Amino acid sequence: MNEHEMLNLRQAAGHVHLEPNELKHFAQRGEIDAQERGGDWYFEHRVLDEWAQRNILASTVRDLRHQHDAMMDEQRRARREGWGVSELFRTDAMSLAIAAKAKAGIIRDMTDLAERSGLVYDVDGLFKELVAREEAASTAIGEGIALLHPRFHDPYLFEESFIAYGRSERPIFFGSTDGSGTRHFFLVCSTDHEMHLHILARLAMLAHGTDLIERLDAAEDAETVVAAVGECEAEYRK
């Protein structure tokens, strides 16, 4: 799907897993850029994705669970019900001792971690997109977690999808709405528009609905981090 492609209301609602009338109300209130033409609403794909990313991270646990369940139904229809985000973590793109003391340093350190994977085509472009995303709205979701990602999803930034992870030595003020510090940073690098939203929703659900944070606090190496994510996913599915 072309990122500049225009989607009608039905297509757009299906993409972000909302009822058409619900998405239309967001557009009518000006909460998302859209155009009304010929009795239908049209949404630019890249703008819709950017809005959907912010919506996922700002959702209540109840709304997040509804969105996540809808995405899982889609996975089952595509015969990918066994998919898990734990498969996307790379131990060569992890650090359990991020020393940065401010947001700008965290973004740079996370970009450097992603670069270590060898899967980033445009490192400077990734850094600029991460900065733009944080300037638009923080990716900190509370629970001590931030889910960094480019503001406008560009599947051509990466050779393949993966997640970089960094744990800071101390909690950093990263813009969480509850004012709490953030210590666990996930950088989502996805080559697929649909899966990009699924990854964000899954990580947010694990943060709010499992003991993932406690496990990450206790992790002593990269392998333990991956195992913790996988175990929390398995428990959540039950």
Protein backbone atom coordinates (compact mmCIF):
# COMPACT_ATOMS: atom_id res chain seq x y z
CA MET A 1 0.00 0.00 0.00
CA ASN A 2 1.39 3.41 -1.01
CA GLU A 3 1.83 5.69 2.01
CA HIS A 4 0.28 8.61 0.06
CA GLU A 5 -2.70 6.52 -1.09
CA MET A 6 -6.13 7.86 -0.19
CA LEU A 7 -8.49 5.51 1.65
CA ASN A 8 -12.25 5.90 1.81
CA LEU A 9 -14.05 5.71 5.14
CA ARG A 10 -14.70 1.96 5.00
CA GLN A 11 -11.10 1.17 4.02
CA ALA A 12 -9.66 3.56 6.61
CA ALA A 13 -11.85 2.22 9.41
CA GLY A 14 -10.81 -1.34 8.61
CA HIS A 15 -7.15 -0.36 8.62
CA VAL A 16 -7.29 1.19 12.12
CA HIS A 17 -9.80 -1.34 13.50
CA LEU A 18 -12.61 1.11 14.28
CA GLU A 19 -16.25 1.26 13.29
CA PRO A 20 -16.74 3.61 10.28
CA ASN A 21 -19.06 5.92 12.22
CA GLU A 22 -16.54 6.19 15.04
CA LEU A 23 -13.75 7.17 12.65
CA LYS A 24 -16.08 9.62 10.88
CA HIS A 25 -16.80 11.34 14.18
CA PHE A 26 -13.06 11.81 14.75
CA ALA A 27 -12.82 13.38 11.29
CA GLN A 28 -15.85 15.61 11.83
CA ARG A 29 -14.37 16.89 15.09
CA GLY A 30 -11.11 17.69 13.34
CA GLU A 31 -9.13 15.18 15.40
CA ILE A 32 -7.78 13.61 12.21
CA ASP A 33 -7.19 15.25 8.83
CA ALA A 34 -9.68 14.00 6.25
CA GLN A 35 -11.59 15.25 3.23
CA GLU A 36 -15.32 14.88 2.64
CA ARG A 37 -16.14 14.37 -1.04
CA GLY A 38 -19.27 13.04 -2.72
CA GLY A 39 -20.81 11.83 0.52
CA ASP A 40 -17.76 9.85 1.61
CA TRP A 41 -14.67 10.64 3.71
CA TYR A 42 -11.12 10.17 2.44
CA PHE A 43 -7.94 9.76 4.50
CA GLU A 44 -4.31 9.92 3.38
CA HIS A 45 -2.73 6.65 4.40
CA ARG A 46 0.39 8.12 6.03
CA VAL A 47 -1.62 10.67 7.99
CA LEU A 48 -4.07 7.99 9.11
CA ASP A 49 -1.20 5.80 10.32
CA GLU A 50 0.34 8.69 12.26
CA TRP A 51 -2.99 9.36 13.96
CA ALA A 52 -3.55 5.65 14.68
CA GLN A 53 -0.13 5.40 16.34
CA ARG A 54 -0.93 8.28 18.67
CA ASN A 55 -4.40 6.85 19.34
CA ILE A 56 -3.01 3.45 20.35
CA LEU A 57 -0.50 4.91 22.78
CA ALA A 58 -3.09 7.23 24.34
CA SER A 59 -5.83 4.60 24.67
CA THR A 60 -7.28 3.45 27.96
CA VAL A 61 -6.61 -0.17 28.87
CA ARG A 62 -10.19 -1.05 27.93
CA ASP A 63 -9.97 0.60 24.50
CA LEU A 64 -6.52 -0.83 23.95
CA ARG A 65 -7.77 -4.33 24.70
CA HIS A 66 -10.61 -3.85 22.18
CA GLN A 67 -8.19 -2.70 19.47
CA HIS A 68 -5.73 -5.46 20.26
CA ASP A 69 -8.45 -8.13 20.11
CA ALA A 70 -9.59 -6.81 16.73
CA MET A 71 -6.04 -7.03 15.46
CA MET A 72 -5.71 -10.57 16.75
CA ASP A 73 -8.89 -11.54 14.91
CA GLU A 74 -7.23 -10.22 11.77
CA GLN A 75 -4.13 -12.27 12.52
CA ARG A 76 -6.23 -15.40 12.91
CA ARG A 77 -7.94 -14.79 9.58
CA ALA A 78 -4.51 -14.44 8.00
CA ARG A 79 -3.43 -17.69 9.74
CA ARG A 80 -0.77 -15.81 11.76
CA GLU A 81 -2.28 -16.30 15.19
CA GLY A 82 1.01 -17.63 16.55
CA TRP A 83 2.86 -14.43 15.71
CA GLY A 84 4.59 -12.65 18.59
CA VAL A 85 6.63 -9.50 19.08
CA SER A 86 9.28 -11.48 20.96
CA GLU A 87 10.36 -12.84 17.57
CA LEU A 88 11.37 -9.33 16.46
CA PHE A 89 13.87 -8.53 19.20
CA ARG A 90 17.54 -8.64 18.25
CA THR A 91 20.16 -9.15 20.94
CA ASP A 92 22.66 -7.10 18.89
CA ALA A 93 20.27 -4.12 19.15
CA MET A 94 19.95 -4.10 22.94
CA SER A 95 21.56 -2.40 25.89
CA LEU A 96 20.77 -2.77 29.57
CA ALA A 97 22.93 0.21 30.52
CA ILE A 98 21.81 3.29 28.58
CA ALA A 99 23.63 6.20 30.23
CA ALA A 100 21.77 9.16 28.66
CA LYS A 101 20.10 11.48 31.16
CA ALA A 102 17.67 13.35 28.88
CA LYS A 103 15.24 12.66 26.03
CA ALA A 104 17.56 13.85 23.25
CA GLY A 105 20.30 11.52 24.43
CA ILE A 106 17.90 8.58 24.69
CA ILE A 107 16.73 9.10 21.10
CA ARG A 108 20.33 9.20 19.87
CA ASP A 109 21.29 6.10 21.89
CA MET A 110 18.25 4.17 20.64
CA THR A 111 19.06 5.13 17.06
CA ASP A 112 22.61 3.88 17.59
CA LEU A 113 21.26 0.60 18.96
CA ALA A 114 19.08 0.15 15.88
CA GLU A 115 22.08 0.90 13.65
CA ARG A 116 24.03 -1.90 15.34
CA SER A 117 21.56 -4.39 13.83
CA GLY A 118 22.80 -3.56 10.33
CA LEU A 119 19.18 -3.37 9.17
CA VAL A 120 18.71 0.43 9.01
CA TYR A 121 19.13 1.93 5.54
CA ASP A 122 18.99 5.61 6.59
CA VAL A 123 20.21 6.18 10.15
CA ASP A 124 20.00 9.98 9.98
CA GLY A 125 16.50 9.74 8.52
CA LEU A 126 15.44 7.43 11.34
CA PHE A 127 16.82 9.80 13.98
CA LYS A 128 14.99 12.78 12.45
CA GLU A 129 11.72 10.85 12.31
CA LEU A 130 12.06 9.79 15.95
CA VAL A 131 12.66 13.39 16.99
CA ALA A 132 9.65 14.53 14.94
CA ARG A 133 7.48 11.90 16.61
CA GLU A 134 8.46 13.00 20.10
CA GLU A 135 7.92 16.66 19.21
CA ALA A 136 4.40 15.83 18.01
CA ALA A 137 3.58 13.77 21.14
CA SER A 138 5.59 11.67 23.55
CA THR A 139 5.72 7.92 23.02
CA ALA A 140 5.97 7.34 26.79
CA ILE A 141 2.87 5.41 27.87
CA GLY A 142 3.42 5.20 31.62
CA GLU A 143 4.42 1.99 33.40
CA GLY A 144 8.03 3.11 32.85
CA ILE A 145 7.87 2.35 29.11
CA ALA A 146 8.23 4.33 25.87
CA LEU A 147 7.51 2.90 22.42
CA LEU A 148 9.65 4.94 20.05
CA HIS A 149 8.85 4.88 16.33
CA PRO A 150 9.06 7.19 13.29
CA ARG A 151 6.33 9.82 13.13
CA PHE A 152 5.39 8.83 9.59
CA HIS A 153 5.82 5.13 9.08
CA ASP A 154 8.32 4.50 6.28
CA PRO A 155 8.70 0.78 5.48
CA TYR A 156 11.76 1.55 3.34
CA LEU A 157 13.88 2.72 6.27
CA PHE A 158 14.68 -0.88 7.22
CA GLU A 159 15.83 -4.07 5.56
CA GLU A 160 13.48 -6.10 7.73
CA SER A 161 11.27 -5.58 10.78
CA PHE A 162 12.87 -5.66 14.23
CA ILE A 163 12.70 -4.10 17.68
CA ALA A 164 15.60 -2.46 19.50
CA TYR A 165 15.48 -2.29 23.29
CA GLY A 166 17.32 -0.13 25.80
CA ARG A 167 17.11 0.07 29.58
CA SER A 168 18.38 3.29 31.12
CA GLU A 169 20.46 3.31 34.28
CA ARG A 170 17.92 5.61 35.92
CA PRO A 171 14.34 6.74 35.13
CA ILE A 172 14.26 9.57 32.56
CA PHE A 173 11.52 12.18 32.17
CA PHE A 174 10.31 11.32 28.68
CA GLY A 175 6.93 13.06 28.64
CA SER A 176 4.62 10.47 30.16
CA THR A 177 1.25 12.07 30.90
CA ASP A 178 1.31 10.76 34.47
CA GLY A 179 4.63 12.52 35.08
CA SER A 180 6.44 9.30 35.91
CA GLY A 181 9.95 8.50 34.77
CA THR A 182 10.70 6.11 31.91
CA ARG A 183 13.37 3.45 32.02
CA HIS A 184 12.45 0.93 29.31
CA PHE A 185 12.70 2.06 25.69
CA PHE A 186 11.49 0.04 22.71
CA LEU A 187 12.26 1.23 19.18
CA VAL A 188 9.82 -0.29 16.68
CA CYS A 189 11.34 -0.66 13.22
CA SER A 190 8.75 -2.16 10.88
CA THR A 191 8.64 -2.71 7.13
CA ASP A 192 4.88 -3.39 7.12
CA HIS A 193 2.13 -0.80 7.70
CA GLU A 194 -0.36 -3.23 9.24
CA MET A 195 2.15 -4.99 11.46
CA HIS A 196 3.55 -1.66 12.66
CA LEU A 197 0.24 -0.89 14.39
CA HIS A 198 -0.06 -4.48 15.65
CA ILE A 199 3.39 -4.29 17.24
CA LEU A 200 2.56 -1.04 19.03
CA ALA A 201 -0.75 -2.45 20.31
CA ARG A 202 0.85 -5.71 21.49
CA LEU A 203 3.67 -3.95 23.36
CA ALA A 204 1.22 -1.51 24.97
CA MET A 205 -1.01 -4.39 26.08
CA LEU A 206 1.96 -6.24 27.60
CA ALA A 207 3.01 -3.08 29.43
CA HIS A 208 -0.43 -2.49 30.93
CA GLY A 209 -1.71 -6.05 31.29
CA THR A 210 1.23 -8.19 32.46
CA ASP A 211 4.19 -8.05 34.83
CA LEU A 212 6.55 -7.29 31.92
CA ILE A 213 8.08 -4.25 33.64
CA GLU A 214 9.07 -6.21 36.73
CA ARG A 215 10.66 -8.88 34.55
CA LEU A 216 12.56 -6.31 32.52
CA ASP A 217 13.79 -4.60 35.69
CA ALA A 218 15.20 -7.93 36.83
CA ALA A 219 16.68 -9.00 33.46
CA GLU A 220 20.45 -9.49 33.54
CA ASP A 221 21.13 -9.95 29.83
CA ALA A 222 19.58 -9.58 26.38
CA GLU A 223 18.46 -13.20 26.21
CA THR A 224 16.51 -12.76 29.45
CA VAL A 225 14.77 -9.70 27.97
CA VAL A 226 13.59 -11.69 24.94
CA ALA A 227 12.46 -14.55 27.17
CA ALA A 228 10.51 -12.15 29.42
CA VAL A 229 8.63 -10.69 26.47
CA GLY A 230 7.84 -14.14 25.09
CA GLU A 231 6.62 -15.43 28.46
CA CYS A 232 4.36 -12.41 28.98
CA GLU A 233 2.91 -12.87 25.50
CA ALA A 234 2.19 -16.53 26.18
CA GLU A 235 0.51 -15.66 29.49
CA TYR A 236 -1.55 -12.90 27.91
CA ARG A 237 -2.86 -15.22 25.18
CA LYS A 238 -4.25 -17.51 27.88
